[in-house]
Amino acid sequence: MLSLLADLRGASDPALVWNRCNAPPDLQLWYLASVATAVRRRLGAHPLAHELQAAVAELRNRVEARTHHLHDVKGRDLEG
């Protein structure tokens, strides 16, 4: 999860990072959020659990931003 975030932060084209994975970003986010939740349940207030929750929040923001961008691009294509 942290390496995915590092790659997204450094990518000039985040789509290339997402495309390396076998599932679309929303399913990846679901899986990673489930892992973070399981870690939090098991470890409680451990710093790793907090770090994973923060990483999931950032990934969620990136997935939502990507989704909004794709909808904007498709809307412009339909108008043109």
C-alpha atoms as a PDB file:
ATOM      1  CA  MET A   1       0.000   0.000   0.000  1.00  0.00           C
ATOM      2  CA  LEU A   2       2.769   2.405   0.914  1.00  0.00           C
ATOM      3  CA  SER A   3       4.726   1.583  -2.236  1.00  0.00           C
ATOM      4  CA  LEU A   4       1.591   2.188  -4.317  1.00  0.00           C
ATOM      5  CA  LEU A   5       1.231   5.612  -2.703  1.00  0.00           C
ATOM      6  CA  ALA A   6       4.897   6.403  -3.278  1.00  0.00           C
ATOM      7  CA  ASP A   7       4.544   5.466  -6.945  1.00  0.00           C
ATOM      8  CA  LEU A   8       1.381   7.570  -7.320  1.00  0.00           C
ATOM      9  CA  ARG A   9       3.043  10.562  -5.665  1.00  0.00           C
ATOM     10  CA  GLY A  10       5.968  10.388  -8.068  1.00  0.00           C
ATOM     11  CA  ALA A  11       4.093   9.531 -11.247  1.00  0.00           C
ATOM     12  CA  SER A  12       3.659  12.042 -14.024  1.00  0.00           C
ATOM     13  CA  ASP A  13       0.709   9.907 -15.173  1.00  0.00           C
ATOM     14  CA  PRO A  14      -1.033   8.118 -12.293  1.00  0.00           C
ATOM     15  CA  ALA A  15      -3.031   6.002 -14.761  1.00  0.00           C
ATOM     16  CA  LEU A  16       0.163   4.119 -15.575  1.00  0.00           C
ATOM     17  CA  VAL A  17       0.522   3.176 -11.904  1.00  0.00           C
ATOM     18  CA  TRP A  18      -3.103   2.064 -11.558  1.00  0.00           C
ATOM     19  CA  ASN A  19      -2.887   0.067 -14.801  1.00  0.00           C
ATOM     20  CA  ARG A  20      -0.076  -2.112 -13.411  1.00  0.00           C
ATOM     21  CA  CYS A  21      -2.542  -3.694 -11.006  1.00  0.00           C
ATOM     22  CA  ASN A  22      -4.955  -6.515 -11.779  1.00  0.00           C
ATOM     23  CA  ALA A  23      -8.038  -4.727 -10.439  1.00  0.00           C
ATOM     24  CA  PRO A  24      -9.518  -1.269 -10.962  1.00  0.00           C
ATOM     25  CA  PRO A  25      -8.671   1.419  -8.389  1.00  0.00           C
ATOM     26  CA  ASP A  26     -12.019   1.206  -6.568  1.00  0.00           C
ATOM     27  CA  LEU A  27     -11.572  -2.530  -5.928  1.00  0.00           C
ATOM     28  CA  GLN A  28      -7.967  -2.018  -4.887  1.00  0.00           C
ATOM     29  CA  LEU A  29      -9.124   0.642  -2.457  1.00  0.00           C
ATOM     30  CA  TRP A  30     -11.803  -1.676  -1.065  1.00  0.00           C
ATOM     31  CA  TYR A  31      -9.231  -4.440  -0.510  1.00  0.00           C
ATOM     32  CA  LEU A  32      -6.628  -2.166   1.062  1.00  0.00           C
ATOM     33  CA  ALA A  33      -9.223  -0.528   3.309  1.00  0.00           C
ATOM     34  CA  SER A  34     -10.297  -4.011   4.448  1.00  0.00           C
ATOM     35  CA  VAL A  35      -6.696  -4.883   5.269  1.00  0.00           C
ATOM     36  CA  ALA A  36      -6.253  -1.639   7.222  1.00  0.00           C
ATOM     37  CA  THR A  37      -9.471  -2.311   9.150  1.00  0.00           C
ATOM     38  CA  ALA A  38      -8.329  -5.833  10.034  1.00  0.00           C
ATOM     39  CA  VAL A  39      -4.957  -4.500  11.201  1.00  0.00           C
ATOM     40  CA  ARG A  40      -6.662  -1.844  13.326  1.00  0.00           C
ATOM     41  CA  ARG A  41      -8.933  -4.447  14.924  1.00  0.00           C
ATOM     42  CA  ARG A  42      -5.968  -6.672  15.685  1.00  0.00           C
ATOM     43  CA  LEU A  43      -3.435  -4.035  16.760  1.00  0.00           C
ATOM     44  CA  GLY A  44      -5.693  -1.338  18.177  1.00  0.00           C
ATOM     45  CA  ALA A  45      -3.895   1.983  18.573  1.00  0.00           C
ATOM     46  CA  HIS A  46      -0.568   0.701  17.260  1.00  0.00           C
ATOM     47  CA  PRO A  47       1.255   3.259  15.065  1.00  0.00           C
ATOM     48  CA  LEU A  48       1.178   0.855  12.099  1.00  0.00           C
ATOM     49  CA  ALA A  49      -2.621   0.777  12.241  1.00  0.00           C
ATOM     50  CA  HIS A  50      -2.705   4.586  12.173  1.00  0.00           C
ATOM     51  CA  GLU A  51      -0.219   4.702   9.288  1.00  0.00           C
ATOM     52  CA  LEU A  52      -2.303   2.272   7.245  1.00  0.00           C
ATOM     53  CA  GLN A  53      -5.507   4.217   7.946  1.00  0.00           C
ATOM     54  CA  ALA A  54      -3.786   7.426   6.798  1.00  0.00           C
ATOM     55  CA  ALA A  55      -2.544   5.679   3.655  1.00  0.00           C
ATOM     56  CA  VAL A  56      -6.063   4.426   2.887  1.00  0.00           C
ATOM     57  CA  ALA A  57      -7.435   7.950   3.340  1.00  0.00           C
ATOM     58  CA  GLU A  58      -4.891   9.322   0.862  1.00  0.00           C
ATOM     59  CA  LEU A  59      -5.605   6.528  -1.610  1.00  0.00           C
ATOM     60  CA  ARG A  60      -9.340   7.183  -1.260  1.00  0.00           C
ATOM     61  CA  ASN A  61      -8.742  10.857  -2.095  1.00  0.00           C
ATOM     62  CA  ARG A  62      -6.675   9.885  -5.127  1.00  0.00           C
ATOM     63  CA  VAL A  63      -9.263   7.371  -6.351  1.00  0.00           C
ATOM     64  CA  GLU A  64     -12.062   9.925  -5.938  1.00  0.00           C
ATOM     65  CA  ALA A  65     -10.024  12.612  -7.729  1.00  0.00           C
ATOM     66  CA  ARG A  66      -9.276  10.168 -10.563  1.00  0.00           C
ATOM     67  CA  THR A  67     -12.949   9.238 -10.822  1.00  0.00           C
ATOM     68  CA  HIS A  68     -14.006  12.898 -10.960  1.00  0.00           C
ATOM     69  CA  HIS A  69     -11.341  13.604 -13.587  1.00  0.00           C
ATOM     70  CA  LEU A  70     -12.501  10.689 -15.743  1.00  0.00           C
ATOM     71  CA  HIS A  71     -16.120  11.843 -15.516  1.00  0.00           C
ATOM     72  CA  ASP A  72     -15.088  15.387 -16.485  1.00  0.00           C
ATOM     73  CA  VAL A  73     -13.129  14.098 -19.482  1.00  0.00           C
ATOM     74  CA  LYS A  74     -16.009  11.880 -20.627  1.00  0.00           C
ATOM     75  CA  GLY A  75     -18.436  14.789 -20.248  1.00  0.00           C
ATOM     76  CA  ARG A  76     -16.239  17.002 -22.414  1.00  0.00           C
ATOM     77  CA  ASP A  77     -16.009  14.237 -25.032  1.00  0.00           C
ATOM     78  CA  LEU A  78     -19.794  14.018 -25.153  1.00  0.00           C
ATOM     79  CA  GLU A  79     -20.147  17.784 -25.536  1.00  0.00           C
ATOM     80  CA  GLY A  80     -17.563  18.073 -28.319  1.00  0.00           C
END
